[in-house]
Amino acid sequence: MIDIKELAEQGSEEEEILKTIDFSHLPRHIAIIMDGNGRWAKMRNLPRVSGHRAGIEAVRDTVEAAAKLGLEIITLYAFSIENFKRPKSEIETLMSLLKEYIKKERDTLIKNNIRFKAIGRLYLLNEAIQSELREIERETEKNSGLLFHIALGYSARMEIIDATRKIINEAIAGKIDGSALDEATFSRYLYTSGLPDPDLLIRTSGELRISNFLLWQIAYSEIWVTDTLWPDFRRKELFRAISDYQKRERRYGGIEGNHGAHEKDIEVLAKEK
């Protein structure tokens, strides 16, 4: 049972938005491209690090609200493979802020029954960060509430390549039948193995790009873009995104009232051609 009082003050704009949400049909998985830290800092004549630090508050509020809403999964795009091209000093600052967040939020994650998991090419991160990530994953692995994914050293193209390599190696070893490969099997080799794909993808800062994020998984995700820069993103925007999502009709390539051909029927038709 959702307690609106825990999520919004009485009479607030957040409460009004929550009243438009059907809590029995929430998206199971929400993914967020966090963008705009640098622009937020520049607009205030501050160093970029100030934008990244302010962004931590957005993470804290968004994840806490997602947990109280009863969402199953939230995946935040925190650091891409491409971000390694940034100045070394900025990368070190970002990693330092990540360590700071993990240490400060450890008790909060446990208190709110949140399970933490990092995805991506984590071996590209320095050993100290890898150690912190492994520790917080171990400490929260038995939690049964929200699964909080943080994508680090992440690239959707690299994820697909990594999955393909695993499949090839297992096919060569005779562990799987390569000729029987289908979408469900391929999905089991992705970083998000065993989890539902995102129902909703949120992007901040008004940019209309996917930015190499969960390319396989968001094939049928609804996309919601806000001009709000990430450091200013709060639960109000999250609620608004969910409310808008619930007004949309998800057809998965079909038409209203017609669920279309079953996947195996489609495969048969393809072979006949």
C-alpha atoms as a PDB file:
ATOM      1  CA  MET A   1       0.000   0.000   0.000  1.00  0.00           C
ATOM      2  CA  ILE A   2       1.480   3.343  -1.092  1.00  0.00           C
ATOM      3  CA  ASP A   3       1.449   6.042   1.572  1.00  0.00           C
ATOM      4  CA  ILE A   4       1.253   9.363  -0.275  1.00  0.00           C
ATOM      5  CA  LYS A   5       2.169  11.185   2.936  1.00  0.00           C
ATOM      6  CA  GLU A   6       5.633   9.585   2.780  1.00  0.00           C
ATOM      7  CA  LEU A   7       6.129  10.839  -0.765  1.00  0.00           C
ATOM      8  CA  ALA A   8       4.702  14.357  -0.728  1.00  0.00           C
ATOM      9  CA  GLU A   9       3.551  17.114   1.582  1.00  0.00           C
ATOM     10  CA  GLN A  10      -0.168  17.740   1.776  1.00  0.00           C
ATOM     11  CA  GLY A  11      -1.271  20.382  -0.720  1.00  0.00           C
ATOM     12  CA  SER A  12       2.017  20.246  -2.640  1.00  0.00           C
ATOM     13  CA  GLU A  13       2.409  19.948  -6.405  1.00  0.00           C
ATOM     14  CA  GLU A  14       3.917  16.508  -5.859  1.00  0.00           C
ATOM     15  CA  GLU A  15       0.736  15.374  -4.094  1.00  0.00           C
ATOM     16  CA  GLU A  16      -1.421  16.635  -6.974  1.00  0.00           C
ATOM     17  CA  ILE A  17       0.641  14.667  -9.487  1.00  0.00           C
ATOM     18  CA  LEU A  18       0.526  11.534  -7.315  1.00  0.00           C
ATOM     19  CA  LYS A  19      -3.275  11.709  -7.370  1.00  0.00           C
ATOM     20  CA  THR A  20      -3.148  11.159 -11.138  1.00  0.00           C
ATOM     21  CA  ILE A  21      -1.103   7.953 -10.829  1.00  0.00           C
ATOM     22  CA  ASP A  22      -2.585   4.448 -10.787  1.00  0.00           C
ATOM     23  CA  PHE A  23      -0.374   2.692  -8.237  1.00  0.00           C
ATOM     24  CA  SER A  24      -1.598  -0.725  -9.350  1.00  0.00           C
ATOM     25  CA  HIS A  25      -0.057  -0.257 -12.804  1.00  0.00           C
ATOM     26  CA  LEU A  26       3.329   1.314 -12.168  1.00  0.00           C
ATOM     27  CA  PRO A  27       6.171   0.695 -14.636  1.00  0.00           C
ATOM     28  CA  ARG A  28       8.261  -2.210 -13.391  1.00  0.00           C
ATOM     29  CA  HIS A  29      11.572  -0.827 -14.619  1.00  0.00           C
ATOM     30  CA  ILE A  30      12.555   2.816 -15.130  1.00  0.00           C
ATOM     31  CA  ALA A  31      15.877   3.783 -16.721  1.00  0.00           C
ATOM     32  CA  ILE A  32      17.269   7.311 -16.512  1.00  0.00           C
ATOM     33  CA  ILE A  33      19.931   9.078 -18.574  1.00  0.00           C
ATOM     34  CA  MET A  34      21.238  11.643 -16.086  1.00  0.00           C
ATOM     35  CA  ASP A  35      22.403  14.625 -18.117  1.00  0.00           C
ATOM     36  CA  GLY A  36      23.126  18.281 -17.493  1.00  0.00           C
ATOM     37  CA  ASN A  37      25.546  18.428 -14.560  1.00  0.00           C
ATOM     38  CA  GLY A  38      28.105  20.402 -16.536  1.00  0.00           C
ATOM     39  CA  ARG A  39      25.587  22.878 -17.929  1.00  0.00           C
ATOM     40  CA  TRP A  40      24.046  23.336 -14.475  1.00  0.00           C
ATOM     41  CA  ALA A  41      27.454  24.338 -13.093  1.00  0.00           C
ATOM     42  CA  LYS A  42      28.308  26.560 -16.082  1.00  0.00           C
ATOM     43  CA  MET A  43      25.042  28.485 -15.739  1.00  0.00           C
ATOM     44  CA  ARG A  44      26.104  29.314 -12.174  1.00  0.00           C
ATOM     45  CA  ASN A  45      29.749  30.073 -13.010  1.00  0.00           C
ATOM     46  CA  LEU A  46      30.808  27.090 -10.936  1.00  0.00           C
ATOM     47  CA  PRO A  47      33.339  24.342 -11.697  1.00  0.00           C
ATOM     48  CA  ARG A  48      31.943  21.156 -13.281  1.00  0.00           C
ATOM     49  CA  VAL A  49      32.548  19.252 -10.055  1.00  0.00           C
ATOM     50  CA  SER A  50      29.872  21.388  -8.398  1.00  0.00           C
ATOM     51  CA  GLY A  51      27.369  20.098 -10.931  1.00  0.00           C
ATOM     52  CA  HIS A  52      28.368  16.490 -10.256  1.00  0.00           C
ATOM     53  CA  ARG A  53      28.096  17.012  -6.503  1.00  0.00           C
ATOM     54  CA  ALA A  54      24.668  18.614  -6.885  1.00  0.00           C
ATOM     55  CA  GLY A  55      23.656  15.649  -9.024  1.00  0.00           C
ATOM     56  CA  ILE A  56      24.133  13.346  -6.027  1.00  0.00           C
ATOM     57  CA  GLU A  57      21.160  15.010  -4.333  1.00  0.00           C
ATOM     58  CA  ALA A  58      19.050  14.195  -7.386  1.00  0.00           C
ATOM     59  CA  VAL A  59      20.143  10.552  -7.194  1.00  0.00           C
ATOM     60  CA  ARG A  60      19.335  10.378  -3.498  1.00  0.00           C
ATOM     61  CA  ASP A  61      15.836  11.854  -3.843  1.00  0.00           C
ATOM     62  CA  THR A  62      14.942   9.899  -6.982  1.00  0.00           C
ATOM     63  CA  VAL A  63      16.057   6.518  -5.654  1.00  0.00           C
ATOM     64  CA  GLU A  64      14.342   7.059  -2.304  1.00  0.00           C
ATOM     65  CA  ALA A  65      11.092   8.040  -4.034  1.00  0.00           C
ATOM     66  CA  ALA A  66      11.323   5.040  -6.391  1.00  0.00           C
ATOM     67  CA  ALA A  67      11.697   2.726  -3.395  1.00  0.00           C
ATOM     68  CA  LYS A  68       8.723   4.248  -1.560  1.00  0.00           C
ATOM     69  CA  LEU A  69       6.605   3.983  -4.717  1.00  0.00           C
ATOM     70  CA  GLY A  70       7.308   0.263  -4.780  1.00  0.00           C
ATOM     71  CA  LEU A  71       9.068   0.222  -8.161  1.00  0.00           C
ATOM     72  CA  GLU A  72      10.942  -2.982  -8.932  1.00  0.00           C
ATOM     73  CA  ILE A  73      13.986  -1.619 -10.785  1.00  0.00           C
ATOM     74  CA  ILE A  74      15.614   1.720 -11.497  1.00  0.00           C
ATOM     75  CA  THR A  75      18.709   1.963 -13.692  1.00  0.00           C
ATOM     76  CA  LEU A  76      20.760   5.161 -13.683  1.00  0.00           C
ATOM     77  CA  TYR A  77      23.324   5.935 -16.390  1.00  0.00           C
ATOM     78  CA  ALA A  78      26.158   7.366 -14.318  1.00  0.00           C
ATOM     79  CA  PHE A  79      29.403   6.918 -16.270  1.00  0.00           C
ATOM     80  CA  SER A  80      29.854   5.771 -19.853  1.00  0.00           C
ATOM     81  CA  ILE A  81      32.818   4.273 -21.658  1.00  0.00           C
ATOM     82  CA  GLU A  82      33.038   7.557 -23.546  1.00  0.00           C
ATOM     83  CA  ASN A  83      33.359   9.457 -20.262  1.00  0.00           C
ATOM     84  CA  PHE A  84      36.862   7.999 -19.882  1.00  0.00           C
ATOM     85  CA  LYS A  85      37.886  10.561 -22.534  1.00  0.00           C
ATOM     86  CA  ARG A  86      37.274  13.365 -20.039  1.00  0.00           C
ATOM     87  CA  PRO A  87      40.170  15.032 -18.189  1.00  0.00           C
ATOM     88  CA  LYS A  88      41.801  12.743 -15.651  1.00  0.00           C
ATOM     89  CA  SER A  89      41.078  15.190 -12.839  1.00  0.00           C
ATOM     90  CA  GLU A  90      37.339  15.145 -13.602  1.00  0.00           C
ATOM     91  CA  ILE A  91      37.256  11.331 -13.743  1.00  0.00           C
ATOM     92  CA  GLU A  92      39.045  11.116 -10.391  1.00  0.00           C
ATOM     93  CA  THR A  93      36.549  13.576  -8.915  1.00  0.00           C
ATOM     94  CA  LEU A  94      33.611  11.560 -10.221  1.00  0.00           C
ATOM     95  CA  MET A  95      35.017   8.359  -8.734  1.00  0.00           C
ATOM     96  CA  SER A  96      35.628  10.129  -5.438  1.00  0.00           C
ATOM     97  CA  LEU A  97      32.027  11.340  -5.380  1.00  0.00           C
ATOM     98  CA  LEU A  98      30.841   7.803  -6.129  1.00  0.00           C
ATOM     99  CA  LYS A  99      32.797   6.431  -3.153  1.00  0.00           C
ATOM    100  CA  GLU A 100      31.413   9.229  -0.998  1.00  0.00           C
ATOM    101  CA  TYR A 101      27.854   8.423  -2.079  1.00  0.00           C
ATOM    102  CA  ILE A 102      28.239   4.709  -1.353  1.00  0.00           C
ATOM    103  CA  LYS A 103      29.608   5.338   2.132  1.00  0.00           C
ATOM    104  CA  LYS A 104      26.996   7.946   3.033  1.00  0.00           C
ATOM    105  CA  GLU A 105      24.024   6.069   1.596  1.00  0.00           C
ATOM    106  CA  ARG A 106      24.901   2.537   2.771  1.00  0.00           C
ATOM    107  CA  ASP A 107      22.631   2.720   5.820  1.00  0.00           C
ATOM    108  CA  THR A 108      19.845   4.410   3.832  1.00  0.00           C
ATOM    109  CA  LEU A 109      19.903   1.693   1.179  1.00  0.00           C
ATOM    110  CA  ILE A 110      19.677  -1.010   3.817  1.00  0.00           C
ATOM    111  CA  LYS A 111      16.966   0.846   5.768  1.00  0.00           C
ATOM    112  CA  ASN A 112      14.842   1.230   2.622  1.00  0.00           C
ATOM    113  CA  ASN A 113      15.323  -2.440   1.606  1.00  0.00           C
ATOM    114  CA  ILE A 114      17.119  -1.388  -1.610  1.00  0.00           C
ATOM    115  CA  ARG A 115      19.402  -3.802  -3.451  1.00  0.00           C
ATOM    116  CA  PHE A 116      22.379  -2.116  -5.131  1.00  0.00           C
ATOM    117  CA  LYS A 117      24.074  -3.477  -8.241  1.00  0.00           C
ATOM    118  CA  ALA A 118      26.605  -1.937 -10.620  1.00  0.00           C
ATOM    119  CA  ILE A 119      26.608  -2.891 -14.311  1.00  0.00           C
ATOM    120  CA  GLY A 120      29.088  -2.225 -17.096  1.00  0.00           C
ATOM    121  CA  ARG A 121      32.743  -2.985 -17.723  1.00  0.00           C
ATOM    122  CA  LEU A 122      33.557  -2.517 -14.075  1.00  0.00           C
ATOM    123  CA  TYR A 123      37.093  -3.831 -14.522  1.00  0.00           C
ATOM    124  CA  LEU A 124      37.901  -0.493 -16.188  1.00  0.00           C
ATOM    125  CA  LEU A 125      37.378   1.281 -12.863  1.00  0.00           C
ATOM    126  CA  ASN A 126      40.174   1.540 -10.332  1.00  0.00           C
ATOM    127  CA  GLU A 127      40.442  -1.273  -7.796  1.00  0.00           C
ATOM    128  CA  ALA A 128      39.377   0.897  -4.849  1.00  0.00           C
ATOM    129  CA  ILE A 129      36.069   1.691  -6.553  1.00  0.00           C
ATOM    130  CA  GLN A 130      35.567  -1.931  -7.581  1.00  0.00           C
ATOM    131  CA  SER A 131      36.103  -2.985  -3.966  1.00  0.00           C
ATOM    132  CA  GLU A 132      33.532  -0.454  -2.694  1.00  0.00           C
ATOM    133  CA  LEU A 133      31.004  -1.638  -5.271  1.00  0.00           C
ATOM    134  CA  ARG A 134      31.489  -5.304  -4.384  1.00  0.00           C
ATOM    135  CA  GLU A 135      31.079  -4.506  -0.688  1.00  0.00           C
ATOM    136  CA  ILE A 136      27.828  -2.554  -1.037  1.00  0.00           C
ATOM    137  CA  GLU A 137      26.445  -5.213  -3.394  1.00  0.00           C
ATOM    138  CA  ARG A 138      27.243  -7.891  -0.817  1.00  0.00           C
ATOM    139  CA  GLU A 139      25.680  -5.900   2.028  1.00  0.00           C
ATOM    140  CA  THR A 140      22.423  -5.284   0.146  1.00  0.00           C
ATOM    141  CA  GLU A 141      22.090  -8.527  -1.848  1.00  0.00           C
ATOM    142  CA  LYS A 142      19.412  -9.971   0.458  1.00  0.00           C
ATOM    143  CA  ASN A 143      17.218  -6.863   0.306  1.00  0.00           C
ATOM    144  CA  SER A 144      13.922  -7.554  -1.436  1.00  0.00           C
ATOM    145  CA  GLY A 145      12.761  -4.074  -2.407  1.00  0.00           C
ATOM    146  CA  LEU A 146      13.888  -1.812  -5.227  1.00  0.00           C
ATOM    147  CA  LEU A 147      16.810  -3.020  -7.345  1.00  0.00           C
ATOM    148  CA  PHE A 148      19.006   0.031  -7.904  1.00  0.00           C
ATOM    149  CA  HIS A 149      21.248  -0.386 -10.937  1.00  0.00           C
ATOM    150  CA  ILE A 150      24.037   2.081 -11.559  1.00  0.00           C
ATOM    151  CA  ALA A 151      25.701   1.876 -14.982  1.00  0.00           C
ATOM    152  CA  LEU A 152      29.449   2.547 -14.756  1.00  0.00           C
ATOM    153  CA  GLY A 153      32.032   2.129 -17.500  1.00  0.00           C
ATOM    154  CA  TYR A 154      28.967   1.329 -19.525  1.00  0.00           C
ATOM    155  CA  SER A 155      28.365   1.122 -23.270  1.00  0.00           C
ATOM    156  CA  ALA A 156      25.347  -0.595 -24.797  1.00  0.00           C
ATOM    157  CA  ARG A 157      27.346  -1.572 -27.879  1.00  0.00           C
ATOM    158  CA  MET A 158      30.060  -3.089 -25.693  1.00  0.00           C
ATOM    159  CA  GLU A 159      27.384  -4.899 -23.668  1.00  0.00           C
ATOM    160  CA  ILE A 160      26.070  -6.498 -26.864  1.00  0.00           C
ATOM    161  CA  ILE A 161      29.618  -7.410 -27.923  1.00  0.00           C
ATOM    162  CA  ASP A 162      30.320  -8.927 -24.481  1.00  0.00           C
ATOM    163  CA  ALA A 163      27.107 -10.967 -24.701  1.00  0.00           C
ATOM    164  CA  THR A 164      27.961 -12.146 -28.210  1.00  0.00           C
ATOM    165  CA  ARG A 165      31.436 -13.264 -27.139  1.00  0.00           C
ATOM    166  CA  LYS A 166      29.976 -15.311 -24.268  1.00  0.00           C
ATOM    167  CA  ILE A 167      27.479 -16.960 -26.594  1.00  0.00           C
ATOM    168  CA  ILE A 168      30.160 -17.803 -29.173  1.00  0.00           C
ATOM    169  CA  ASN A 169      32.436 -19.274 -26.504  1.00  0.00           C
ATOM    170  CA  GLU A 170      29.621 -21.393 -25.052  1.00  0.00           C
ATOM    171  CA  ALA A 171      28.546 -22.543 -28.509  1.00  0.00           C
ATOM    172  CA  ILE A 172      32.127 -23.613 -29.299  1.00  0.00           C
ATOM    173  CA  ALA A 173      32.254 -25.455 -25.962  1.00  0.00           C
ATOM    174  CA  GLY A 174      29.003 -27.211 -26.825  1.00  0.00           C
ATOM    175  CA  LYS A 175      27.110 -25.679 -23.919  1.00  0.00           C
ATOM    176  CA  ILE A 176      24.454 -24.092 -26.120  1.00  0.00           C
ATOM    177  CA  ASP A 177      23.074 -24.704 -29.600  1.00  0.00           C
ATOM    178  CA  GLY A 178      23.928 -21.619 -31.611  1.00  0.00           C
ATOM    179  CA  SER A 179      21.300 -22.408 -34.238  1.00  0.00           C
ATOM    180  CA  ALA A 180      18.583 -22.189 -31.578  1.00  0.00           C
ATOM    181  CA  LEU A 181      19.581 -18.682 -30.476  1.00  0.00           C
ATOM    182  CA  ASP A 182      16.591 -16.384 -30.002  1.00  0.00           C
ATOM    183  CA  GLU A 183      15.906 -13.041 -28.320  1.00  0.00           C
ATOM    184  CA  ALA A 184      15.137 -14.568 -24.924  1.00  0.00           C
ATOM    185  CA  THR A 185      18.393 -16.545 -24.939  1.00  0.00           C
ATOM    186  CA  PHE A 186      20.439 -13.534 -26.037  1.00  0.00           C
ATOM    187  CA  SER A 187      18.922 -11.396 -23.280  1.00  0.00           C
ATOM    188  CA  ARG A 188      20.236 -13.842 -20.671  1.00  0.00           C
ATOM    189  CA  TYR A 189      23.800 -12.851 -21.589  1.00  0.00           C
ATOM    190  CA  LEU A 190      23.286  -9.118 -21.098  1.00  0.00           C
ATOM    191  CA  TYR A 191      24.215  -7.234 -17.922  1.00  0.00           C
ATOM    192  CA  THR A 192      20.488  -7.101 -17.086  1.00  0.00           C
ATOM    193  CA  SER A 193      20.044 -10.871 -17.378  1.00  0.00           C
ATOM    194  CA  GLY A 194      16.791 -12.172 -15.928  1.00  0.00           C
ATOM    195  CA  LEU A 195      15.221  -8.734 -15.517  1.00  0.00           C
ATOM    196  CA  PRO A 196      12.340  -7.089 -17.384  1.00  0.00           C
ATOM    197  CA  ASP A 197      13.299  -4.474 -19.941  1.00  0.00           C
ATOM    198  CA  PRO A 198      12.676  -0.808 -19.021  1.00  0.00           C
ATOM    199  CA  ASP A 199       9.071   0.244 -19.461  1.00  0.00           C
ATOM    200  CA  LEU A 200      10.074   3.889 -19.273  1.00  0.00           C
ATOM    201  CA  LEU A 201      13.253   5.727 -20.270  1.00  0.00           C
ATOM    202  CA  ILE A 202      13.720   9.228 -18.841  1.00  0.00           C
ATOM    203  CA  ARG A 203      16.258  11.696 -20.207  1.00  0.00           C
ATOM    204  CA  THR A 204      17.038  15.001 -18.522  1.00  0.00           C
ATOM    205  CA  SER A 205      18.382  18.298 -19.962  1.00  0.00           C
ATOM    206  CA  GLY A 206      16.181  18.229 -23.061  1.00  0.00           C
ATOM    207  CA  GLU A 207      18.588  16.258 -25.243  1.00  0.00           C
ATOM    208  CA  LEU A 208      16.951  13.895 -27.735  1.00  0.00           C
ATOM    209  CA  ARG A 209      19.578  11.160 -27.789  1.00  0.00           C
ATOM    210  CA  ILE A 210      19.855   7.609 -26.454  1.00  0.00           C
ATOM    211  CA  SER A 211      23.601   8.029 -25.903  1.00  0.00           C
ATOM    212  CA  ASN A 212      24.520   4.347 -26.199  1.00  0.00           C
ATOM    213  CA  PHE A 213      22.358   3.322 -23.248  1.00  0.00           C
ATOM    214  CA  LEU A 214      20.534  -0.038 -23.004  1.00  0.00           C
ATOM    215  CA  LEU A 215      20.082  -0.206 -26.789  1.00  0.00           C
ATOM    216  CA  TRP A 216      18.788  -3.787 -26.742  1.00  0.00           C
ATOM    217  CA  GLN A 217      16.615  -3.391 -23.667  1.00  0.00           C
ATOM    218  CA  ILE A 218      14.788  -0.171 -24.633  1.00  0.00           C
ATOM    219  CA  ALA A 219      13.473  -1.481 -27.968  1.00  0.00           C
ATOM    220  CA  TYR A 220       9.887  -0.895 -26.799  1.00  0.00           C
ATOM    221  CA  SER A 221      10.401   1.499 -23.899  1.00  0.00           C
ATOM    222  CA  GLU A 222       8.361   4.670 -23.663  1.00  0.00           C
ATOM    223  CA  ILE A 223      10.638   7.725 -23.738  1.00  0.00           C
ATOM    224  CA  TRP A 224      10.051  10.825 -21.620  1.00  0.00           C
ATOM    225  CA  VAL A 225      12.304  13.882 -21.982  1.00  0.00           C
ATOM    226  CA  THR A 226      12.452  16.845 -19.631  1.00  0.00           C
ATOM    227  CA  ASP A 227      14.356  20.120 -19.993  1.00  0.00           C
ATOM    228  CA  THR A 228      15.220  19.905 -16.303  1.00  0.00           C
ATOM    229  CA  LEU A 229      18.972  19.520 -15.761  1.00  0.00           C
ATOM    230  CA  TRP A 230      19.858  16.487 -13.656  1.00  0.00           C
ATOM    231  CA  PRO A 231      20.954  18.400 -10.498  1.00  0.00           C
ATOM    232  CA  ASP A 232      17.468  19.970 -10.396  1.00  0.00           C
ATOM    233  CA  PHE A 233      15.638  16.669 -11.014  1.00  0.00           C
ATOM    234  CA  ARG A 234      13.551  15.589  -8.046  1.00  0.00           C
ATOM    235  CA  ARG A 235      10.722  13.181  -7.294  1.00  0.00           C
ATOM    236  CA  LYS A 236       8.223  15.653  -8.777  1.00  0.00           C
ATOM    237  CA  GLU A 237       9.701  15.017 -12.250  1.00  0.00           C
ATOM    238  CA  LEU A 238       9.710  11.269 -11.588  1.00  0.00           C
ATOM    239  CA  PHE A 239       6.021  11.364 -10.640  1.00  0.00           C
ATOM    240  CA  ARG A 240       5.227  13.478 -13.698  1.00  0.00           C
ATOM    241  CA  ALA A 241       7.026  11.008 -15.981  1.00  0.00           C
ATOM    242  CA  ILE A 242       5.093   8.074 -14.518  1.00  0.00           C
ATOM    243  CA  SER A 243       1.797   9.912 -14.817  1.00  0.00           C
ATOM    244  CA  ASP A 244       2.476  10.694 -18.477  1.00  0.00           C
ATOM    245  CA  TYR A 245       3.617   7.119 -19.117  1.00  0.00           C
ATOM    246  CA  GLN A 246       0.307   5.765 -17.828  1.00  0.00           C
ATOM    247  CA  LYS A 247      -1.602   7.857 -20.375  1.00  0.00           C
ATOM    248  CA  ARG A 248       0.171   6.220 -23.289  1.00  0.00           C
ATOM    249  CA  GLU A 249      -0.930   3.151 -25.205  1.00  0.00           C
ATOM    250  CA  ARG A 250       1.802   0.557 -25.507  1.00  0.00           C
ATOM    251  CA  ARG A 251       1.300  -1.452 -28.692  1.00  0.00           C
ATOM    252  CA  TYR A 252       4.682  -3.202 -29.132  1.00  0.00           C
ATOM    253  CA  GLY A 253       4.388  -2.827 -32.900  1.00  0.00           C
ATOM    254  CA  GLY A 254       0.798  -4.075 -33.088  1.00  0.00           C
ATOM    255  CA  ILE A 255      -2.532  -2.255 -33.219  1.00  0.00           C
ATOM    256  CA  GLU A 256      -5.176  -1.649 -30.568  1.00  0.00           C
ATOM    257  CA  GLY A 257      -7.209  -4.764 -29.794  1.00  0.00           C
ATOM    258  CA  ASN A 258      -4.821  -7.022 -31.742  1.00  0.00           C
ATOM    259  CA  HIS A 259      -1.874  -8.546 -29.927  1.00  0.00           C
ATOM    260  CA  GLY A 260      -0.340  -9.638 -33.219  1.00  0.00           C
ATOM    261  CA  ALA A 261       1.539 -12.781 -34.142  1.00  0.00           C
ATOM    262  CA  HIS A 262       3.312 -14.819 -31.509  1.00  0.00           C
ATOM    263  CA  GLU A 263       7.124 -14.700 -31.676  1.00  0.00           C
ATOM    264  CA  LYS A 264       7.310 -18.331 -32.863  1.00  0.00           C
ATOM    265  CA  ASP A 265       4.750 -17.598 -35.597  1.00  0.00           C
ATOM    266  CA  ILE A 266       6.953 -14.742 -36.772  1.00  0.00           C
ATOM    267  CA  GLU A 267       9.961 -17.092 -36.862  1.00  0.00           C
ATOM    268  CA  VAL A 268       8.001 -19.570 -39.009  1.00  0.00           C
ATOM    269  CA  LEU A 269       6.993 -16.842 -41.430  1.00  0.00           C
ATOM    270  CA  ALA A 270      10.618 -15.667 -41.685  1.00  0.00           C
ATOM    271  CA  LYS A 271      11.810 -19.216 -42.507  1.00  0.00           C
ATOM    272  CA  GLU A 272       9.117 -19.613 -45.174  1.00  0.00           C
ATOM    273  CA  LYS A 273      10.442 -16.524 -46.929  1.00  0.00           C
END
